[in-house]
Amino acid sequence: MPFRLEPRQYIDFTHGVDAGLARLREHVRWRATPEGVLHTLQERLEDAQRDLVRSEEVDKPRIKEEIAALEAKIGEQQRSIGK
């Protein structure tokens, strides 16, 4: 898998399109749950942290702001689901 896709959910379609689509629908529904939203925010934070390390100096302030905003949203989401 490409580096940027590796930590993402892999859905296997090799055992049939119907089974793969069912799994995809299930995953999309889960992403809309509070736990799924938290997971998405955590993935975005990991991406931003990785981008920060690789970014040019001119982009670092923007990425740091994004990281701070994501950390705040993650905290709010964790509190809303009791984690």
PDB file of N, CA and C in Angstrom:
ATOM      1  N   MET A   1       0.830  -1.189   0.000  1.00  0.00           N
ATOM      2  CA  MET A   1       0.000   0.000   0.000  1.00  0.00           C
ATOM      3  C   MET A   1       0.871   1.248   0.000  1.00  0.00           C
ATOM      4  N   PRO A   2       0.409   2.298  -0.649  1.00  0.00           N
ATOM      5  CA  PRO A   2       1.147   3.569  -0.573  1.00  0.00           C
ATOM      6  C   PRO A   2       1.239   4.049   0.869  1.00  0.00           C
ATOM      7  N   PHE A   3       2.323   4.738   1.201  1.00  0.00           N
ATOM      8  CA  PHE A   3       2.594   5.174   2.575  1.00  0.00           C
ATOM      9  C   PHE A   3       1.413   5.901   3.194  1.00  0.00           C
ATOM     10  N   ARG A   4       0.816   6.833   2.476  1.00  0.00           N
ATOM     11  CA  ARG A   4      -0.262   7.648   3.048  1.00  0.00           C
ATOM     12  C   ARG A   4      -1.528   6.833   3.290  1.00  0.00           C
ATOM     13  N   LEU A   5      -1.697   5.708   2.611  1.00  0.00           N
ATOM     14  CA  LEU A   5      -2.894   4.900   2.784  1.00  0.00           C
ATOM     15  C   LEU A   5      -2.708   3.762   3.785  1.00  0.00           C
ATOM     16  N   GLU A   6      -1.459   3.452   4.119  1.00  0.00           N
ATOM     17  CA  GLU A   6      -1.179   2.299   4.969  1.00  0.00           C
ATOM     18  C   GLU A   6      -1.960   2.304   6.285  1.00  0.00           C
ATOM     19  N   PRO A   7      -2.045   3.427   7.023  1.00  0.00           N
ATOM     20  CA  PRO A   7      -2.747   3.360   8.303  1.00  0.00           C
ATOM     21  C   PRO A   7      -4.271   3.397   8.154  1.00  0.00           C
ATOM     22  N   ARG A   8      -4.761   3.434   6.955  1.00  0.00           N
ATOM     23  CA  ARG A   8      -6.204   3.539   6.727  1.00  0.00           C
ATOM     24  C   ARG A   8      -6.857   2.163   6.687  1.00  0.00           C
ATOM     25  N   GLN A   9      -8.165   2.168   6.775  1.00  0.00           N
ATOM     26  CA  GLN A   9      -8.937   0.928   6.728  1.00  0.00           C
ATOM     27  C   GLN A   9      -8.826   0.309   5.341  1.00  0.00           C
ATOM     28  N   TYR A  10      -8.439  -0.942   5.300  1.00  0.00           N
ATOM     29  CA  TYR A  10      -8.356  -1.687   4.046  1.00  0.00           C
ATOM     30  C   TYR A  10      -9.607  -2.542   3.917  1.00  0.00           C
ATOM     31  N   ILE A  11     -10.251  -2.472   2.777  1.00  0.00           N
ATOM     32  CA  ILE A  11     -11.434  -3.280   2.531  1.00  0.00           C
ATOM     33  C   ILE A  11     -11.132  -4.192   1.357  1.00  0.00           C
ATOM     34  N   ASP A  12     -11.251  -5.483   1.602  1.00  0.00           N
ATOM     35  CA  ASP A  12     -10.897  -6.500   0.622  1.00  0.00           C
ATOM     36  C   ASP A  12     -12.071  -6.775  -0.313  1.00  0.00           C
ATOM     37  N   PHE A  13     -11.864  -6.529  -1.601  1.00  0.00           N
ATOM     38  CA  PHE A  13     -12.883  -6.807  -2.609  1.00  0.00           C
ATOM     39  C   PHE A  13     -12.568  -8.076  -3.395  1.00  0.00           C
ATOM     40  N   THR A  14     -11.520  -8.795  -3.016  1.00  0.00           N
ATOM     41  CA  THR A  14     -11.125  -9.965  -3.800  1.00  0.00           C
ATOM     42  C   THR A  14     -12.079 -11.142  -3.631  1.00  0.00           C
ATOM     43  N   HIS A  15     -12.887 -11.142  -2.588  1.00  0.00           N
ATOM     44  CA  HIS A  15     -13.830 -12.239  -2.362  1.00  0.00           C
ATOM     45  C   HIS A  15     -15.232 -11.883  -2.840  1.00  0.00           C
ATOM     46  N   GLY A  16     -15.322 -10.896  -3.669  1.00  0.00           N
ATOM     47  CA  GLY A  16     -16.606 -10.519  -4.240  1.00  0.00           C
ATOM     48  C   GLY A  16     -16.954  -9.077  -3.959  1.00  0.00           C
ATOM     49  N   VAL A  17     -17.572  -8.475  -4.950  1.00  0.00           N
ATOM     50  CA  VAL A  17     -17.944  -7.063  -4.849  1.00  0.00           C
ATOM     51  C   VAL A  17     -19.008  -6.861  -3.773  1.00  0.00           C
ATOM     52  N   ASP A  18     -19.975  -7.757  -3.702  1.00  0.00           N
ATOM     53  CA  ASP A  18     -21.055  -7.592  -2.713  1.00  0.00           C
ATOM     54  C   ASP A  18     -20.517  -7.596  -1.287  1.00  0.00           C
ATOM     55  N   ALA A  19     -19.630  -8.532  -0.993  1.00  0.00           N
ATOM     56  CA  ALA A  19     -19.051  -8.596   0.355  1.00  0.00           C
ATOM     57  C   ALA A  19     -18.220  -7.349   0.635  1.00  0.00           C
ATOM     58  N   GLY A  20     -17.450  -6.900  -0.357  1.00  0.00           N
ATOM     59  CA  GLY A  20     -16.643  -5.692  -0.178  1.00  0.00           C
ATOM     60  C   GLY A  20     -17.498  -4.457   0.024  1.00  0.00           C
ATOM     61  N   LEU A  21     -18.560  -4.341  -0.755  1.00  0.00           N
ATOM     62  CA  LEU A  21     -19.461  -3.189  -0.611  1.00  0.00           C
ATOM     63  C   LEU A  21     -20.170  -3.206   0.743  1.00  0.00           C
ATOM     64  N   ALA A  22     -20.543  -4.390   1.206  1.00  0.00           N
ATOM     65  CA  ALA A  22     -21.187  -4.480   2.518  1.00  0.00           C
ATOM     66  C   ALA A  22     -20.230  -4.005   3.602  1.00  0.00           C
ATOM     67  N   ARG A  23     -18.980  -4.428   3.505  1.00  0.00           N
ATOM     68  CA  ARG A  23     -17.965  -4.004   4.485  1.00  0.00           C
ATOM     69  C   ARG A  23     -17.720  -2.502   4.385  1.00  0.00           C
ATOM     70  N   LEU A  24     -17.688  -1.973   3.170  1.00  0.00           N
ATOM     71  CA  LEU A  24     -17.497  -0.538   2.968  1.00  0.00           C
ATOM     72  C   LEU A  24     -18.653   0.252   3.578  1.00  0.00           C
ATOM     73  N   ARG A  25     -19.888  -0.201   3.348  1.00  0.00           N
ATOM     74  CA  ARG A  25     -21.056   0.490   3.932  1.00  0.00           C
ATOM     75  C   ARG A  25     -20.989   0.466   5.458  1.00  0.00           C
ATOM     76  N   GLU A  26     -20.609  -0.685   6.010  1.00  0.00           N
ATOM     77  CA  GLU A  26     -20.481  -0.804   7.466  1.00  0.00           C
ATOM     78  C   GLU A  26     -19.435   0.169   8.002  1.00  0.00           C
ATOM     79  N   HIS A  27     -18.320   0.265   7.292  1.00  0.00           N
ATOM     80  CA  HIS A  27     -17.252   1.157   7.737  1.00  0.00           C
ATOM     81  C   HIS A  27     -17.675   2.627   7.639  1.00  0.00           C
ATOM     82  N   VAL A  28     -18.357   2.993   6.582  1.00  0.00           N
ATOM     83  CA  VAL A  28     -18.835   4.376   6.428  1.00  0.00           C
ATOM     84  C   VAL A  28     -19.832   4.716   7.534  1.00  0.00           C
ATOM     85  N   ARG A  29     -20.719   3.777   7.870  1.00  0.00           N
ATOM     86  CA  ARG A  29     -21.658   4.014   8.983  1.00  0.00           C
ATOM     87  C   ARG A  29     -20.900   4.195  10.293  1.00  0.00           C
ATOM     88  N   TRP A  30     -19.875   3.359  10.520  1.00  0.00           N
ATOM     89  CA  TRP A  30     -19.086   3.468  11.747  1.00  0.00           C
ATOM     90  C   TRP A  30     -18.383   4.818  11.822  1.00  0.00           C
ATOM     91  N   ARG A  31     -17.881   5.307  10.693  1.00  0.00           N
ATOM     92  CA  ARG A  31     -17.190   6.602  10.673  1.00  0.00           C
ATOM     93  C   ARG A  31     -18.095   7.732  11.135  1.00  0.00           C
ATOM     94  N   ALA A  32     -19.397   7.558  11.000  1.00  0.00           N
ATOM     95  CA  ALA A  32     -20.347   8.598  11.417  1.00  0.00           C
ATOM     96  C   ALA A  32     -20.691   8.505  12.903  1.00  0.00           C
ATOM     97  N   THR A  33     -20.252   7.443  13.581  1.00  0.00           N
ATOM     98  CA  THR A  33     -20.508   7.321  15.016  1.00  0.00           C
ATOM     99  C   THR A  33     -19.530   8.208  15.783  1.00  0.00           C
ATOM    100  N   PRO A  34     -19.810   8.492  17.043  1.00  0.00           N
ATOM    101  CA  PRO A  34     -18.862   9.292  17.824  1.00  0.00           C
ATOM    102  C   PRO A  34     -17.450   8.686  17.862  1.00  0.00           C
ATOM    103  N   GLU A  35     -17.364   7.366  17.974  1.00  0.00           N
ATOM    104  CA  GLU A  35     -16.052   6.712  17.976  1.00  0.00           C
ATOM    105  C   GLU A  35     -15.367   6.839  16.620  1.00  0.00           C
ATOM    106  N   GLY A  36     -16.155   6.739  15.552  1.00  0.00           N
ATOM    107  CA  GLY A  36     -15.597   6.896  14.209  1.00  0.00           C
ATOM    108  C   GLY A  36     -15.100   8.310  13.957  1.00  0.00           C
ATOM    109  N   VAL A  37     -15.845   9.291  14.454  1.00  0.00           N
ATOM    110  CA  VAL A  37     -15.418  10.687  14.321  1.00  0.00           C
ATOM    111  C   VAL A  37     -14.100  10.898  15.068  1.00  0.00           C
ATOM    112  N   LEU A  38     -14.007  10.338  16.276  1.00  0.00           N
ATOM    113  CA  LEU A  38     -12.768  10.439  17.042  1.00  0.00           C
ATOM    114  C   LEU A  38     -11.613   9.802  16.283  1.00  0.00           C
ATOM    115  N   HIS A  39     -11.839   8.642  15.719  1.00  0.00           N
ATOM    116  CA  HIS A  39     -10.799   7.946  14.957  1.00  0.00           C
ATOM    117  C   HIS A  39     -10.334   8.803  13.768  1.00  0.00           C
ATOM    118  N   THR A  40     -11.286   9.413  13.077  1.00  0.00           N
ATOM    119  CA  THR A  40     -10.949  10.275  11.936  1.00  0.00           C
ATOM    120  C   THR A  40     -10.104  11.462  12.388  1.00  0.00           C
ATOM    121  N   LEU A  41     -10.481  12.086  13.495  1.00  0.00           N
ATOM    122  CA  LEU A  41      -9.705  13.213  14.008  1.00  0.00           C
ATOM    123  C   LEU A  41      -8.287  12.773  14.380  1.00  0.00           C
ATOM    124  N   GLN A  42      -8.165  11.594  14.984  1.00  0.00           N
ATOM    125  CA  GLN A  42      -6.842  11.089  15.354  1.00  0.00           C
ATOM    126  C   GLN A  42      -5.991  10.794  14.123  1.00  0.00           C
ATOM    127  N   GLU A  43      -6.605  10.274  13.066  1.00  0.00           N
ATOM    128  CA  GLU A  43      -5.875  10.058  11.813  1.00  0.00           C
ATOM    129  C   GLU A  43      -5.394  11.385  11.230  1.00  0.00           C
ATOM    130  N   ARG A  44      -6.270  12.382  11.256  1.00  0.00           N
ATOM    131  CA  ARG A  44      -5.885  13.695  10.735  1.00  0.00           C
ATOM    132  C   ARG A  44      -4.745  14.291  11.545  1.00  0.00           C
ATOM    133  N   LEU A  45      -4.768  14.096  12.877  1.00  0.00           N
ATOM    134  CA  LEU A  45      -3.687  14.586  13.726  1.00  0.00           C
ATOM    135  C   LEU A  45      -2.373  13.894  13.366  1.00  0.00           C
ATOM    136  N   GLU A  46      -2.404  12.584  13.198  1.00  0.00           N
ATOM    137  CA  GLU A  46      -1.196  11.849  12.813  1.00  0.00           C
ATOM    138  C   GLU A  46      -0.653  12.350  11.476  1.00  0.00           C
ATOM    139  N   ASP A  47      -1.551  12.611  10.532  1.00  0.00           N
ATOM    140  CA  ASP A  47      -1.128  13.140   9.230  1.00  0.00           C
ATOM    141  C   ASP A  47      -0.471  14.507   9.392  1.00  0.00           C
ATOM    142  N   ALA A  48      -1.083  15.370  10.196  1.00  0.00           N
ATOM    143  CA  ALA A  48      -0.543  16.716  10.394  1.00  0.00           C
ATOM    144  C   ALA A  48       0.816  16.657  11.085  1.00  0.00           C
ATOM    145  N   GLN A  49       0.954  15.779  12.067  1.00  0.00           N
ATOM    146  CA  GLN A  49       2.250  15.640  12.751  1.00  0.00           C
ATOM    147  C   GLN A  49       3.323  15.148  11.792  1.00  0.00           C
ATOM    148  N   ARG A  50       2.959  14.226  10.927  1.00  0.00           N
ATOM    149  CA  ARG A  50       3.902  13.737   9.912  1.00  0.00           C
ATOM    150  C   ARG A  50       4.254  14.860   8.925  1.00  0.00           C
ATOM    151  N   ASP A  51       3.235  15.654   8.540  1.00  0.00           N
ATOM    152  CA  ASP A  51       3.476  16.773   7.626  1.00  0.00           C
ATOM    153  C   ASP A  51       4.400  17.809   8.253  1.00  0.00           C
ATOM    154  N   LEU A  52       4.244  18.048   9.550  1.00  0.00           N
ATOM    155  CA  LEU A  52       5.068  19.038  10.240  1.00  0.00           C
ATOM    156  C   LEU A  52       6.546  18.684  10.132  1.00  0.00           C
ATOM    157  N   VAL A  53       6.849  17.433  10.320  1.00  0.00           N
ATOM    158  CA  VAL A  53       8.254  16.993  10.265  1.00  0.00           C
ATOM    159  C   VAL A  53       8.831  17.207   8.866  1.00  0.00           C
ATOM    160  N   ARG A  54       8.020  17.015   7.859  1.00  0.00           N
ATOM    161  CA  ARG A  54       8.501  17.077   6.475  1.00  0.00           C
ATOM    162  C   ARG A  54       8.322  18.452   5.826  1.00  0.00           C
ATOM    163  N   SER A  55       7.706  19.378   6.528  1.00  0.00           N
ATOM    164  CA  SER A  55       7.345  20.652   5.909  1.00  0.00           C
ATOM    165  C   SER A  55       8.508  21.637   5.874  1.00  0.00           C
ATOM    166  N   GLU A  56       8.345  22.624   5.023  1.00  0.00           N
ATOM    167  CA  GLU A  56       9.288  23.735   4.971  1.00  0.00           C
ATOM    168  C   GLU A  56       8.929  24.717   6.079  1.00  0.00           C
ATOM    169  N   GLU A  57       9.893  25.517   6.480  1.00  0.00           N
ATOM    170  CA  GLU A  57       9.700  26.444   7.608  1.00  0.00           C
ATOM    171  C   GLU A  57       8.491  27.355   7.404  1.00  0.00           C
ATOM    172  N   VAL A  58       8.251  27.781   6.188  1.00  0.00           N
ATOM    173  CA  VAL A  58       7.151  28.700   5.922  1.00  0.00           C
ATOM    174  C   VAL A  58       5.790  28.054   6.226  1.00  0.00           C
ATOM    175  N   ASP A  59       5.696  26.725   6.136  1.00  0.00           N
ATOM    176  CA  ASP A  59       4.435  26.027   6.366  1.00  0.00           C
ATOM    177  C   ASP A  59       4.240  25.578   7.813  1.00  0.00           C
ATOM    178  N   LYS A  60       5.300  25.562   8.598  1.00  0.00           N
ATOM    179  CA  LYS A  60       5.231  25.041   9.968  1.00  0.00           C
ATOM    180  C   LYS A  60       4.208  25.761  10.858  1.00  0.00           C
ATOM    181  N   PRO A  61       4.114  27.102  10.834  1.00  0.00           N
ATOM    182  CA  PRO A  61       3.111  27.756  11.699  1.00  0.00           C
ATOM    183  C   PRO A  61       1.674  27.323  11.384  1.00  0.00           C
ATOM    184  N   ARG A  62       1.353  27.203  10.117  1.00  0.00           N
ATOM    185  CA  ARG A  62       0.005  26.782   9.721  1.00  0.00           C
ATOM    186  C   ARG A  62      -0.273  25.356  10.194  1.00  0.00           C
ATOM    187  N   ILE A  63       0.694  24.480  10.035  1.00  0.00           N
ATOM    188  CA  ILE A  63       0.511  23.094  10.443  1.00  0.00           C
ATOM    189  C   ILE A  63       0.414  22.995  11.966  1.00  0.00           C
ATOM    190  N   LYS A  64       1.191  23.790  12.683  1.00  0.00           N
ATOM    191  CA  LYS A  64       1.101  23.790  14.147  1.00  0.00           C
ATOM    192  C   LYS A  64      -0.271  24.257  14.612  1.00  0.00           C
ATOM    193  N   GLU A  65      -0.848  25.245  13.929  1.00  0.00           N
ATOM    194  CA  GLU A  65      -2.203  25.699  14.259  1.00  0.00           C
ATOM    195  C   GLU A  65      -3.214  24.581  14.010  1.00  0.00           C
ATOM    196  N   GLU A  66      -3.033  23.888  12.896  1.00  0.00           N
ATOM    197  CA  GLU A  66      -3.920  22.766  12.574  1.00  0.00           C
ATOM    198  C   GLU A  66      -3.817  21.675  13.646  1.00  0.00           C
ATOM    199  N   ILE A  67      -2.614  21.389  14.088  1.00  0.00           N
ATOM    200  CA  ILE A  67      -2.407  20.386  15.130  1.00  0.00           C
ATOM    201  C   ILE A  67      -3.101  20.799  16.419  1.00  0.00           C
ATOM    202  N   ALA A  68      -2.948  22.053  16.809  1.00  0.00           N
ATOM    203  CA  ALA A  68      -3.591  22.537  18.029  1.00  0.00           C
ATOM    204  C   ALA A  68      -5.115  22.439  17.926  1.00  0.00           C
ATOM    205  N   ALA A  69      -5.660  22.799  16.774  1.00  0.00           N
ATOM    206  CA  ALA A  69      -7.105  22.716  16.575  1.00  0.00           C
ATOM    207  C   ALA A  69      -7.581  21.268  16.626  1.00  0.00           C
ATOM    208  N   LEU A  70      -6.829  20.375  16.006  1.00  0.00           N
ATOM    209  CA  LEU A  70      -7.204  18.961  16.035  1.00  0.00           C
ATOM    210  C   LEU A  70      -7.130  18.396  17.441  1.00  0.00           C
ATOM    211  N   GLU A  71      -6.100  18.764  18.186  1.00  0.00           N
ATOM    212  CA  GLU A  71      -5.979  18.292  19.575  1.00  0.00           C
ATOM    213  C   GLU A  71      -7.170  18.768  20.404  1.00  0.00           C
ATOM    214  N   ALA A  72      -7.603  20.007  20.181  1.00  0.00           N
ATOM    215  CA  ALA A  72      -8.767  20.526  20.909  1.00  0.00           C
ATOM    216  C   ALA A  72     -10.026  19.750  20.523  1.00  0.00           C
ATOM    217  N   LYS A  73     -10.216  19.490  19.232  1.00  0.00           N
ATOM    218  CA  LYS A  73     -11.387  18.739  18.777  1.00  0.00           C
ATOM    219  C   LYS A  73     -11.366  17.313  19.318  1.00  0.00           C
ATOM    220  N   ILE A  74     -10.189  16.712  19.362  1.00  0.00           N
ATOM    221  CA  ILE A  74     -10.071  15.360  19.903  1.00  0.00           C
ATOM    222  C   ILE A  74     -10.465  15.349  21.376  1.00  0.00           C
ATOM    223  N   GLY A  75      -9.995  16.329  22.123  1.00  0.00           N
ATOM    224  CA  GLY A  75     -10.368  16.433  23.538  1.00  0.00           C
ATOM    225  C   GLY A  75     -11.859  16.570  23.717  1.00  0.00           C
ATOM    226  N   GLU A  76     -12.482  17.415  22.904  1.00  0.00           N
ATOM    227  CA  GLU A  76     -13.927  17.605  22.978  1.00  0.00           C
ATOM    228  C   GLU A  76     -14.656  16.303  22.638  1.00  0.00           C
ATOM    229  N   GLN A  77     -14.195  15.628  21.599  1.00  0.00           N
ATOM    230  CA  GLN A  77     -14.843  14.386  21.181  1.00  0.00           C
ATOM    231  C   GLN A  77     -14.677  13.305  22.252  1.00  0.00           C
ATOM    232  N   GLN A  78     -13.506  13.228  22.846  1.00  0.00           N
ATOM    233  CA  GLN A  78     -13.280  12.251  23.908  1.00  0.00           C
ATOM    234  C   GLN A  78     -14.204  12.515  25.090  1.00  0.00           C
ATOM    235  N   ARG A  79     -14.353  13.782  25.455  1.00  0.00           N
ATOM    236  CA  ARG A  79     -15.250  14.118  26.561  1.00  0.00           C
ATOM    237  C   ARG A  79     -16.696  13.777  26.218  1.00  0.00           C
ATOM    238  N   SER A  80     -17.081  13.984  24.962  1.00  0.00           N
ATOM    239  CA  SER A  80     -18.480  13.722  24.580  1.00  0.00           C
ATOM    240  C   SER A  80     -18.813  12.242  24.588  1.00  0.00           C
ATOM    241  N   ILE A  81     -17.803  11.385  24.419  1.00  0.00           N
ATOM    242  CA  ILE A  81     -18.085   9.945  24.443  1.00  0.00           C
ATOM    243  C   ILE A  81     -17.597   9.293  25.729  1.00  0.00           C
ATOM    244  N   GLY A  82     -17.106  10.110  26.654  1.00  0.00           N
ATOM    245  CA  GLY A  82     -16.718   9.601  27.968  1.00  0.00           C
ATOM    246  C   GLY A  82     -15.398   8.852  27.991  1.00  0.00           C
ATOM    247  N   LYS A  83     -14.460   9.235  27.140  1.00  0.00           N
ATOM    248  CA  LYS A  83     -13.135   8.592  27.142  1.00  0.00           C
ATOM    249  C   LYS A  83     -12.129   9.463  27.848  1.00  0.00           C
TER     250      LYS A  83
END
